[in-house]
C-alpha atoms as a PDB file:
ATOM      1  CA  UNK A   1      15.187 -42.220  -2.154  1.00  0.00           C
ATOM      2  CA  UNK A   2      16.468 -45.721  -1.614  1.00  0.00           C
ATOM      3  CA  UNK A   3      17.301 -48.032  -4.625  1.00  0.00           C
ATOM      4  CA  UNK A   4      14.045 -49.710  -4.341  1.00  0.00           C
ATOM      5  CA  UNK A   5      12.171 -46.408  -4.785  1.00  0.00           C
ATOM      6  CA  UNK A   6      11.233 -46.019  -1.139  1.00  0.00           C
ATOM      7  CA  UNK A   7      11.628 -42.771   0.670  1.00  0.00           C
ATOM      8  CA  UNK A   8      14.255 -42.717   3.541  1.00  0.00           C
ATOM      9  CA  UNK A   9      12.944 -43.158   7.038  1.00  0.00           C
ATOM     10  CA  UNK A  10      11.407 -39.919   8.407  1.00  0.00           C
ATOM     11  CA  UNK A  11      10.525 -38.653   4.988  1.00  0.00           C
ATOM     12  CA  UNK A  12       7.528 -40.996   4.365  1.00  0.00           C
ATOM     13  CA  UNK A  13       4.351 -39.075   3.124  1.00  0.00           C
ATOM     14  CA  UNK A  14       1.220 -39.887   5.200  1.00  0.00           C
ATOM     15  CA  UNK A  15      -1.635 -41.525   3.258  1.00  0.00           C
ATOM     16  CA  UNK A  16      -4.655 -39.038   3.275  1.00  0.00           C
ATOM     17  CA  UNK A  17      -7.820 -39.899   1.412  1.00  0.00           C
ATOM     18  CA  UNK A  18      -9.036 -37.085  -0.950  1.00  0.00           C
ATOM     19  CA  UNK A  19     -12.609 -38.166  -0.699  1.00  0.00           C
ATOM     20  CA  UNK A  20     -14.990 -35.319   0.384  1.00  0.00           C
ATOM     21  CA  UNK A  21     -16.761 -37.946   2.531  1.00  0.00           C
ATOM     22  CA  UNK A  22     -13.611 -38.688   4.700  1.00  0.00           C
ATOM     23  CA  UNK A  23     -14.327 -38.094   8.290  1.00  0.00           C
ATOM     24  CA  UNK A  24     -11.077 -36.326   9.043  1.00  0.00           C
ATOM     25  CA  UNK A  25     -11.772 -33.938   6.288  1.00  0.00           C
ATOM     26  CA  UNK A  26     -15.210 -33.093   7.611  1.00  0.00           C
ATOM     27  CA  UNK A  27     -14.000 -32.834  11.073  1.00  0.00           C
ATOM     28  CA  UNK A  28     -11.376 -30.347   9.978  1.00  0.00           C
ATOM     29  CA  UNK A  29     -13.965 -28.381   8.138  1.00  0.00           C
ATOM     30  CA  UNK A  30     -16.227 -28.204  11.170  1.00  0.00           C
ATOM     31  CA  UNK A  31     -13.266 -27.058  13.290  1.00  0.00           C
ATOM     32  CA  UNK A  32     -12.510 -24.181  10.990  1.00  0.00           C
ATOM     33  CA  UNK A  33     -16.183 -23.291  10.671  1.00  0.00           C
ATOM     34  CA  UNK A  34     -16.637 -23.171  14.401  1.00  0.00           C
ATOM     35  CA  UNK A  35     -13.441 -20.939  14.875  1.00  0.00           C
ATOM     36  CA  UNK A  36     -14.443 -18.376  12.125  1.00  0.00           C
ATOM     37  CA  UNK A  37     -16.828 -15.610  11.713  1.00  0.00           C
ATOM     38  CA  UNK A  38     -19.837 -16.759   9.706  1.00  0.00           C
ATOM     39  CA  UNK A  39     -22.317 -15.115   7.252  1.00  0.00           C
ATOM     40  CA  UNK A  40     -25.516 -16.316   5.685  1.00  0.00           C
ATOM     41  CA  UNK A  41     -25.067 -16.889   1.971  1.00  0.00           C
ATOM     42  CA  UNK A  42     -28.206 -16.887  -0.006  1.00  0.00           C
ATOM     43  CA  UNK A  43     -27.921 -18.412  -3.389  1.00  0.00           C
ATOM     44  CA  UNK A  44     -30.417 -18.174  -6.152  1.00  0.00           C
ATOM     45  CA  UNK A  45     -31.220 -21.665  -7.529  1.00  0.00           C
ATOM     46  CA  UNK A  46     -33.153 -22.442 -10.800  1.00  0.00           C
ATOM     47  CA  UNK A  47     -32.758 -25.061 -13.258  1.00  0.00           C
ATOM     48  CA  UNK A  48     -34.899 -24.226 -16.416  1.00  0.00           C
ATOM     49  CA  UNK A  49     -35.212 -27.915 -17.291  1.00  0.00           C
ATOM     50  CA  UNK A  50     -37.032 -28.905 -14.073  1.00  0.00           C
ATOM     51  CA  UNK A  51     -37.913 -25.979 -11.840  1.00  0.00           C
ATOM     52  CA  UNK A  52     -40.887 -23.719 -12.091  1.00  0.00           C
ATOM     53  CA  UNK A  53     -39.537 -20.825 -10.277  1.00  0.00           C
ATOM     54  CA  UNK A  54     -36.420 -19.394  -8.613  1.00  0.00           C
ATOM     55  CA  UNK A  55     -35.666 -20.270  -4.883  1.00  0.00           C
ATOM     56  CA  UNK A  56     -33.114 -18.872  -2.615  1.00  0.00           C
ATOM     57  CA  UNK A  57     -31.218 -21.444  -0.570  1.00  0.00           C
ATOM     58  CA  UNK A  58     -29.574 -20.112   2.520  1.00  0.00           C
ATOM     59  CA  UNK A  59     -26.225 -21.551   3.972  1.00  0.00           C
ATOM     60  CA  UNK A  60     -23.995 -20.566   6.893  1.00  0.00           C
ATOM     61  CA  UNK A  61     -20.417 -20.079   5.646  1.00  0.00           C
ATOM     62  CA  UNK A  62     -17.262 -19.363   7.646  1.00  0.00           C
ATOM     63  CA  UNK A  63     -15.030 -16.613   6.412  1.00  0.00           C
ATOM     64  CA  UNK A  64     -11.855 -14.814   7.049  1.00  0.00           C
ATOM     65  CA  UNK A  65     -10.868 -11.288   6.246  1.00  0.00           C
ATOM     66  CA  UNK A  66      -9.486 -12.254   2.874  1.00  0.00           C
ATOM     67  CA  UNK A  67     -12.407 -14.694   1.875  1.00  0.00           C
ATOM     68  CA  UNK A  68     -14.142 -13.868  -1.400  1.00  0.00           C
ATOM     69  CA  UNK A  69     -17.597 -14.435  -2.313  1.00  0.00           C
ATOM     70  CA  UNK A  70     -16.455 -17.004  -4.866  1.00  0.00           C
ATOM     71  CA  UNK A  71     -14.618 -18.762  -2.011  1.00  0.00           C
ATOM     72  CA  UNK A  72     -17.800 -18.884   0.051  1.00  0.00           C
ATOM     73  CA  UNK A  73     -19.863 -20.281  -3.001  1.00  0.00           C
ATOM     74  CA  UNK A  74     -17.234 -23.029  -3.562  1.00  0.00           C
ATOM     75  CA  UNK A  75     -17.225 -23.822   0.185  1.00  0.00           C
ATOM     76  CA  UNK A  76     -20.943 -24.492  -0.003  1.00  0.00           C
ATOM     77  CA  UNK A  77     -20.502 -26.437  -3.251  1.00  0.00           C
ATOM     78  CA  UNK A  78     -17.836 -28.590  -1.575  1.00  0.00           C
ATOM     79  CA  UNK A  79     -19.419 -29.251   1.792  1.00  0.00           C
ATOM     80  CA  UNK A  80     -23.158 -28.546   1.612  1.00  0.00           C
ATOM     81  CA  UNK A  81     -24.757 -28.524  -1.872  1.00  0.00           C
ATOM     82  CA  UNK A  82     -22.736 -30.126  -4.832  1.00  0.00           C
ATOM     83  CA  UNK A  83     -25.476 -29.214  -7.323  1.00  0.00           C
ATOM     84  CA  UNK A  84     -24.911 -25.424  -7.355  1.00  0.00           C
ATOM     85  CA  UNK A  85     -24.020 -24.161 -10.847  1.00  0.00           C
ATOM     86  CA  UNK A  86     -21.469 -21.473 -11.120  1.00  0.00           C
ATOM     87  CA  UNK A  87     -18.869 -20.519 -13.675  1.00  0.00           C
ATOM     88  CA  UNK A  88     -15.381 -19.566 -12.618  1.00  0.00           C
ATOM     89  CA  UNK A  89     -11.794 -19.974 -13.739  1.00  0.00           C
ATOM     90  CA  UNK A  90      -8.756 -17.700 -12.904  1.00  0.00           C
ATOM     91  CA  UNK A  91      -9.981 -16.550  -9.523  1.00  0.00           C
ATOM     92  CA  UNK A  92      -7.901 -13.244  -9.856  1.00  0.00           C
ATOM     93  CA  UNK A  93     -10.316 -10.977 -11.749  1.00  0.00           C
ATOM     94  CA  UNK A  94      -8.804 -11.551 -15.201  1.00  0.00           C
ATOM     95  CA  UNK A  95     -10.875 -14.082 -17.035  1.00  0.00           C
ATOM     96  CA  UNK A  96     -14.252 -12.349 -16.413  1.00  0.00           C
ATOM     97  CA  UNK A  97     -16.003 -15.747 -15.811  1.00  0.00           C
ATOM     98  CA  UNK A  98     -17.650 -15.256 -12.283  1.00  0.00           C
ATOM     99  CA  UNK A  99     -19.737 -12.174 -12.810  1.00  0.00           C
ATOM    100  CA  UNK A 100     -23.008 -12.249 -10.817  1.00  0.00           C
ATOM    101  CA  UNK A 101     -25.305 -10.023  -8.876  1.00  0.00           C
ATOM    102  CA  UNK A 102     -23.962  -9.701  -5.265  1.00  0.00           C
ATOM    103  CA  UNK A 103     -26.259  -7.783  -2.796  1.00  0.00           C
ATOM    104  CA  UNK A 104     -28.005  -6.164  -5.624  1.00  0.00           C
ATOM    105  CA  UNK A 105     -24.916  -5.010  -7.655  1.00  0.00           C
ATOM    106  CA  UNK A 106     -23.150  -6.753 -10.603  1.00  0.00           C
ATOM    107  CA  UNK A 107     -19.622  -7.725  -9.389  1.00  0.00           C
ATOM    108  CA  UNK A 108     -16.954 -10.368 -10.039  1.00  0.00           C
ATOM    109  CA  UNK A 109     -17.266 -12.971  -7.161  1.00  0.00           C
ATOM    110  CA  UNK A 110     -13.603 -13.598  -7.142  1.00  0.00           C
ATOM    111  CA  UNK A 111     -12.846  -9.796  -6.755  1.00  0.00           C
ATOM    112  CA  UNK A 112     -15.423  -9.182  -3.879  1.00  0.00           C
ATOM    113  CA  UNK A 113     -14.287  -9.857  -0.389  1.00  0.00           C
ATOM    114  CA  UNK A 114     -17.065 -10.629   2.097  1.00  0.00           C
ATOM    115  CA  UNK A 115     -15.516  -8.427   4.689  1.00  0.00           C
ATOM    116  CA  UNK A 116     -15.946  -5.437   2.384  1.00  0.00           C
ATOM    117  CA  UNK A 117     -19.634  -5.869   2.016  1.00  0.00           C
ATOM    118  CA  UNK A 118     -20.361  -4.978   5.582  1.00  0.00           C
ATOM    119  CA  UNK A 119     -23.216  -7.437   5.747  1.00  0.00           C
ATOM    120  CA  UNK A 120     -24.073 -10.596   7.707  1.00  0.00           C
ATOM    121  CA  UNK A 121     -26.242 -11.821   4.784  1.00  0.00           C
ATOM    122  CA  UNK A 122     -24.821 -12.066   1.256  1.00  0.00           C
ATOM    123  CA  UNK A 123     -27.242 -12.748  -1.605  1.00  0.00           C
ATOM    124  CA  UNK A 124     -25.820 -13.978  -5.026  1.00  0.00           C
ATOM    125  CA  UNK A 125     -28.102 -14.102  -8.138  1.00  0.00           C
ATOM    126  CA  UNK A 126     -27.265 -14.654 -11.798  1.00  0.00           C
ATOM    127  CA  UNK A 127     -26.529 -11.474 -13.881  1.00  0.00           C
ATOM    128  CA  UNK A 128     -29.426  -9.527 -15.447  1.00  0.00           C
ATOM    129  CA  UNK A 129     -29.903  -9.371 -19.342  1.00  0.00           C
ATOM    130  CA  UNK A 130     -28.276 -12.731 -19.967  1.00  0.00           C
ATOM    131  CA  UNK A 131     -30.087 -16.013 -20.605  1.00  0.00           C
ATOM    132  CA  UNK A 132     -30.021 -18.273 -17.533  1.00  0.00           C
ATOM    133  CA  UNK A 133     -28.269 -21.620 -17.914  1.00  0.00           C
ATOM    134  CA  UNK A 134     -28.614 -22.777 -14.272  1.00  0.00           C
ATOM    135  CA  UNK A 135     -28.267 -21.135 -10.858  1.00  0.00           C
ATOM    136  CA  UNK A 136     -25.608 -18.567 -11.147  1.00  0.00           C
ATOM    137  CA  UNK A 137     -24.293 -19.511 -14.696  1.00  0.00           C
ATOM    138  CA  UNK A 138     -25.636 -17.481 -17.585  1.00  0.00           C
ATOM    139  CA  UNK A 139     -24.956 -17.637 -21.388  1.00  0.00           C
ATOM    140  CA  UNK A 140     -22.610 -15.199 -23.116  1.00  0.00           C
ATOM    141  CA  UNK A 141     -23.500 -16.035 -26.699  1.00  0.00           C
ATOM    142  CA  UNK A 142     -25.202 -12.636 -27.465  1.00  0.00           C
ATOM    143  CA  UNK A 143     -22.540 -10.560 -25.910  1.00  0.00           C
ATOM    144  CA  UNK A 144     -19.800 -12.508 -27.694  1.00  0.00           C
ATOM    145  CA  UNK A 145     -21.662 -12.415 -30.962  1.00  0.00           C
ATOM    146  CA  UNK A 146     -22.094  -8.531 -30.659  1.00  0.00           C
ATOM    147  CA  UNK A 147     -18.368  -8.289 -29.708  1.00  0.00           C
ATOM    148  CA  UNK A 148     -17.342 -10.066 -32.905  1.00  0.00           C
ATOM    149  CA  UNK A 149     -19.761  -7.895 -34.953  1.00  0.00           C
ATOM    150  CA  UNK A 150     -17.782  -4.672 -34.240  1.00  0.00           C
ATOM    151  CA  UNK A 151     -14.551  -6.297 -35.571  1.00  0.00           C
ATOM    152  CA  UNK A 152     -12.464  -6.181 -32.345  1.00  0.00           C
ATOM    153  CA  UNK A 153      -9.020  -6.162 -34.131  1.00  0.00           C
ATOM    154  CA  UNK A 154      -6.823  -3.555 -35.893  1.00  0.00           C
ATOM    155  CA  UNK A 155      -7.987  -3.282 -39.570  1.00  0.00           C
ATOM    156  CA  UNK A 156      -5.249  -2.315 -42.063  1.00  0.00           C
ATOM    157  CA  UNK A 157      -4.373  -2.912 -45.643  1.00  0.00           C
ATOM    158  CA  UNK A 158      -0.772  -3.441 -44.826  1.00  0.00           C
ATOM    159  CA  UNK A 159       0.625  -5.748 -42.053  1.00  0.00           C
ATOM    160  CA  UNK A 160       3.729  -5.745 -39.825  1.00  0.00           C
ATOM    161  CA  UNK A 161       4.325  -9.237 -41.118  1.00  0.00           C
ATOM    162  CA  UNK A 162       4.685  -7.996 -44.902  1.00  0.00           C
ATOM    163  CA  UNK A 163       8.428  -7.753 -46.064  1.00  0.00           C
ATOM    164  CA  UNK A 164       9.824  -4.405 -45.865  1.00  0.00           C
ATOM    165  CA  UNK A 165       7.063  -3.072 -43.485  1.00  0.00           C
ATOM    166  CA  UNK A 166       8.229  -1.652 -40.174  1.00  0.00           C
ATOM    167  CA  UNK A 167       6.382  -1.820 -36.869  1.00  0.00           C
ATOM    168  CA  UNK A 168       3.518   0.672 -36.312  1.00  0.00           C
ATOM    169  CA  UNK A 169       5.036   2.962 -33.662  1.00  0.00           C
ATOM    170  CA  UNK A 170       2.765   4.969 -31.308  1.00  0.00           C
ATOM    171  CA  UNK A 171       3.477   7.784 -28.898  1.00  0.00           C
ATOM    172  CA  UNK A 172       2.423   7.665 -25.320  1.00  0.00           C
ATOM    173  CA  UNK A 173      -0.311  10.108 -26.282  1.00  0.00           C
ATOM    174  CA  UNK A 174      -1.526   7.827 -29.006  1.00  0.00           C
ATOM    175  CA  UNK A 175      -1.747   4.992 -26.638  1.00  0.00           C
ATOM    176  CA  UNK A 176      -3.403   7.044 -23.867  1.00  0.00           C
ATOM    177  CA  UNK A 177      -6.477   7.528 -26.196  1.00  0.00           C
ATOM    178  CA  UNK A 178      -7.586   3.977 -26.074  1.00  0.00           C
ATOM    179  CA  UNK A 179      -5.504   1.981 -23.491  1.00  0.00           C
ATOM    180  CA  UNK A 180      -8.275   2.227 -20.803  1.00  0.00           C
ATOM    181  CA  UNK A 181     -10.743   0.495 -23.211  1.00  0.00           C
ATOM    182  CA  UNK A 182      -8.142  -2.341 -23.848  1.00  0.00           C
ATOM    183  CA  UNK A 183      -8.483  -3.488 -20.320  1.00  0.00           C
ATOM    184  CA  UNK A 184     -11.919  -5.005 -20.971  1.00  0.00           C
ATOM    185  CA  UNK A 185     -12.074  -8.608 -19.731  1.00  0.00           C
ATOM    186  CA  UNK A 186     -15.585  -9.284 -21.239  1.00  0.00           C
ATOM    187  CA  UNK A 187     -17.101 -10.255 -17.804  1.00  0.00           C
ATOM    188  CA  UNK A 188     -20.540  -8.663 -18.968  1.00  0.00           C
ATOM    189  CA  UNK A 189     -21.038  -6.676 -15.683  1.00  0.00           C
ATOM    190  CA  UNK A 190     -21.560  -3.415 -17.823  1.00  0.00           C
ATOM    191  CA  UNK A 191     -24.186  -5.242 -19.877  1.00  0.00           C
ATOM    192  CA  UNK A 192     -25.824  -6.537 -16.756  1.00  0.00           C
ATOM    193  CA  UNK A 193     -26.155  -3.091 -15.218  1.00  0.00           C
ATOM    194  CA  UNK A 194     -27.399  -1.490 -18.445  1.00  0.00           C
ATOM    195  CA  UNK A 195     -31.183  -0.467 -18.195  1.00  0.00           C
ATOM    196  CA  UNK A 196     -31.395  -0.241 -21.994  1.00  0.00           C
ATOM    197  CA  UNK A 197     -30.218  -3.878 -22.362  1.00  0.00           C
ATOM    198  CA  UNK A 198     -33.286  -4.858 -20.267  1.00  0.00           C
ATOM    199  CA  UNK A 199     -35.790  -3.147 -22.571  1.00  0.00           C
ATOM    200  CA  UNK A 200     -34.106  -3.753 -25.825  1.00  0.00           C
ATOM    201  CA  UNK A 201     -32.895  -7.307 -26.676  1.00  0.00           C
ATOM    202  CA  UNK A 202     -31.085  -6.034 -30.028  1.00  0.00           C
ATOM    203  CA  UNK A 203     -29.203  -3.196 -28.415  1.00  0.00           C
ATOM    204  CA  UNK A 204     -25.445  -3.639 -29.123  1.00  0.00           C
ATOM    205  CA  UNK A 205     -24.735  -2.951 -25.382  1.00  0.00           C
ATOM    206  CA  UNK A 206     -22.047  -0.957 -23.512  1.00  0.00           C
ATOM    207  CA  UNK A 207     -19.370  -3.679 -23.838  1.00  0.00           C
ATOM    208  CA  UNK A 208     -19.595  -3.868 -27.646  1.00  0.00           C
ATOM    209  CA  UNK A 209     -19.771   0.066 -28.079  1.00  0.00           C
ATOM    210  CA  UNK A 210     -16.798   0.493 -25.687  1.00  0.00           C
ATOM    211  CA  UNK A 211     -14.772  -1.871 -27.760  1.00  0.00           C
ATOM    212  CA  UNK A 212     -15.832  -0.097 -30.925  1.00  0.00           C
ATOM    213  CA  UNK A 213     -14.330   3.079 -29.549  1.00  0.00           C
ATOM    214  CA  UNK A 214     -11.143   1.176 -28.562  1.00  0.00           C
ATOM    215  CA  UNK A 215     -10.394   0.504 -32.238  1.00  0.00           C
ATOM    216  CA  UNK A 216     -11.698   3.673 -33.620  1.00  0.00           C
ATOM    217  CA  UNK A 217      -9.309   5.687 -31.253  1.00  0.00           C
ATOM    218  CA  UNK A 218      -6.326   3.562 -32.214  1.00  0.00           C
ATOM    219  CA  UNK A 219      -4.400   5.497 -34.805  1.00  0.00           C
ATOM    220  CA  UNK A 220      -2.915   2.138 -36.292  1.00  0.00           C
ATOM    221  CA  UNK A 221      -6.567   1.247 -37.282  1.00  0.00           C
ATOM    222  CA  UNK A 222      -8.004   2.019 -40.646  1.00  0.00           C
ATOM    223  CA  UNK A 223     -11.576   0.559 -40.062  1.00  0.00           C
ATOM    224  CA  UNK A 224     -13.144   3.550 -38.421  1.00  0.00           C
ATOM    225  CA  UNK A 225     -15.872   4.270 -41.063  1.00  0.00           C
ATOM    226  CA  UNK A 226     -16.724   0.632 -41.188  1.00  0.00           C
ATOM    227  CA  UNK A 227     -17.259   0.402 -37.419  1.00  0.00           C
ATOM    228  CA  UNK A 228     -19.188   3.626 -37.338  1.00  0.00           C
ATOM    229  CA  UNK A 229     -21.484   2.306 -39.976  1.00  0.00           C
ATOM    230  CA  UNK A 230     -22.141  -0.831 -37.719  1.00  0.00           C
ATOM    231  CA  UNK A 231     -23.111   1.185 -34.732  1.00  0.00           C
ATOM    232  CA  UNK A 232     -24.948   3.928 -36.473  1.00  0.00           C
ATOM    233  CA  UNK A 233     -28.425   2.394 -36.296  1.00  0.00           C
ATOM    234  CA  UNK A 234     -31.506   2.577 -34.076  1.00  0.00           C
ATOM    235  CA  UNK A 235     -30.391  -0.227 -31.752  1.00  0.00           C
ATOM    236  CA  UNK A 236     -26.818   0.873 -31.818  1.00  0.00           C
ATOM    237  CA  UNK A 237     -25.174   3.899 -30.267  1.00  0.00           C
ATOM    238  CA  UNK A 238     -28.369   6.205 -30.298  1.00  0.00           C
ATOM    239  CA  UNK A 239     -30.197   3.675 -28.115  1.00  0.00           C
ATOM    240  CA  UNK A 240     -27.930   4.441 -25.236  1.00  0.00           C
ATOM    241  CA  UNK A 241     -29.598   6.841 -22.788  1.00  0.00           C
ATOM    242  CA  UNK A 242     -26.393   7.623 -20.834  1.00  0.00           C
ATOM    243  CA  UNK A 243     -27.533   6.284 -17.475  1.00  0.00           C
ATOM    244  CA  UNK A 244     -23.840   5.659 -16.599  1.00  0.00           C
ATOM    245  CA  UNK A 245     -24.664   2.338 -14.783  1.00  0.00           C
ATOM    246  CA  UNK A 246     -22.108   0.460 -16.837  1.00  0.00           C
ATOM    247  CA  UNK A 247     -19.089   2.629 -15.812  1.00  0.00           C
ATOM    248  CA  UNK A 248     -20.043   2.201 -12.166  1.00  0.00           C
ATOM    249  CA  UNK A 249     -19.555  -1.489 -12.149  1.00  0.00           C
ATOM    250  CA  UNK A 250     -16.518  -2.247 -14.270  1.00  0.00           C
ATOM    251  CA  UNK A 251     -13.901  -4.084 -12.211  1.00  0.00           C
ATOM    252  CA  UNK A 252     -10.958  -2.872 -14.532  1.00  0.00           C
ATOM    253  CA  UNK A 253     -11.895   0.847 -14.456  1.00  0.00           C
ATOM    254  CA  UNK A 254     -13.098   0.890 -18.102  1.00  0.00           C
ATOM    255  CA  UNK A 255     -15.640   3.902 -18.641  1.00  0.00           C
ATOM    256  CA  UNK A 256     -18.118   2.664 -21.437  1.00  0.00           C
ATOM    257  CA  UNK A 257     -20.333   5.554 -20.889  1.00  0.00           C
ATOM    258  CA  UNK A 258     -17.469   7.964 -21.799  1.00  0.00           C
ATOM    259  CA  UNK A 259     -16.470   5.847 -24.795  1.00  0.00           C
ATOM    260  CA  UNK A 260     -20.050   5.961 -26.086  1.00  0.00           C
ATOM    261  CA  UNK A 261     -20.108   9.729 -25.816  1.00  0.00           C
ATOM    262  CA  UNK A 262     -16.795  10.067 -27.580  1.00  0.00           C
ATOM    263  CA  UNK A 263     -18.028   7.750 -30.412  1.00  0.00           C
ATOM    264  CA  UNK A 264     -21.105   9.984 -30.885  1.00  0.00           C
ATOM    265  CA  UNK A 265     -18.575  12.832 -31.493  1.00  0.00           C
ATOM    266  CA  UNK A 266     -17.169  11.014 -34.433  1.00  0.00           C
ATOM    267  CA  UNK A 267     -20.715  10.443 -35.799  1.00  0.00           C
ATOM    268  CA  UNK A 268     -21.844  14.023 -35.266  1.00  0.00           C
ATOM    269  CA  UNK A 269     -18.631  15.295 -36.938  1.00  0.00           C
ATOM    270  CA  UNK A 270     -16.808  17.121 -34.132  1.00  0.00           C
ATOM    271  CA  UNK A 271     -14.260  14.481 -33.694  1.00  0.00           C
ATOM    272  CA  UNK A 272     -11.988  13.229 -36.550  1.00  0.00           C
END
């Protein structure tokens, strides 16, 4: 860089407009679109504030082998319909924000590749059993409220921060009892797949029950009896009919159905 702040000759950066309406950007998009495979992306559109019914809008979207469903939705949002309502954040199956129904099954849009769906038509809809905000975005208030209700933290009278208290050591066998359930990212896919959630609006749900087991099985925790009292009610653990749909859709390999059955063992007295 020269004294006046200018870049040396040959190192100048070209000036490019970032506007989505720029003709060169649009031309580049059309070039990529024409040279790629395409699918028809059907997006459920509904705004409760002004629409009377749900409508599916179809878009032709280019894709590569690595293109995810979320990539395709954002492609449409950038170039064809800016009004699409969709929630996303990390784009690496960690935050749990982009859950939706993809070709009839609850999935994470950022974790689902179009090439793996083996279909020329991809239909995306908002998750079931959640209040709709708009289009593909749903409200998580009920699930988060239930999650908070089961006290998702280690309950102890003492603390590692107290003077003279040592850390709470666990063996690999102790950790193995609950570590699977600690992988929950609260995406809501299990609740969306649960048939009981559809018929019972006060059911705790597989996400909350699985997290209850996560802490009951943790030998550092002293809140087992308190949590078991919370879930031992008609709309709690006994409302589960063991359909197993929740375990089939978890993107992190958590098995809520198994956790619920193990919790029942504590309540029935054959697990301590």
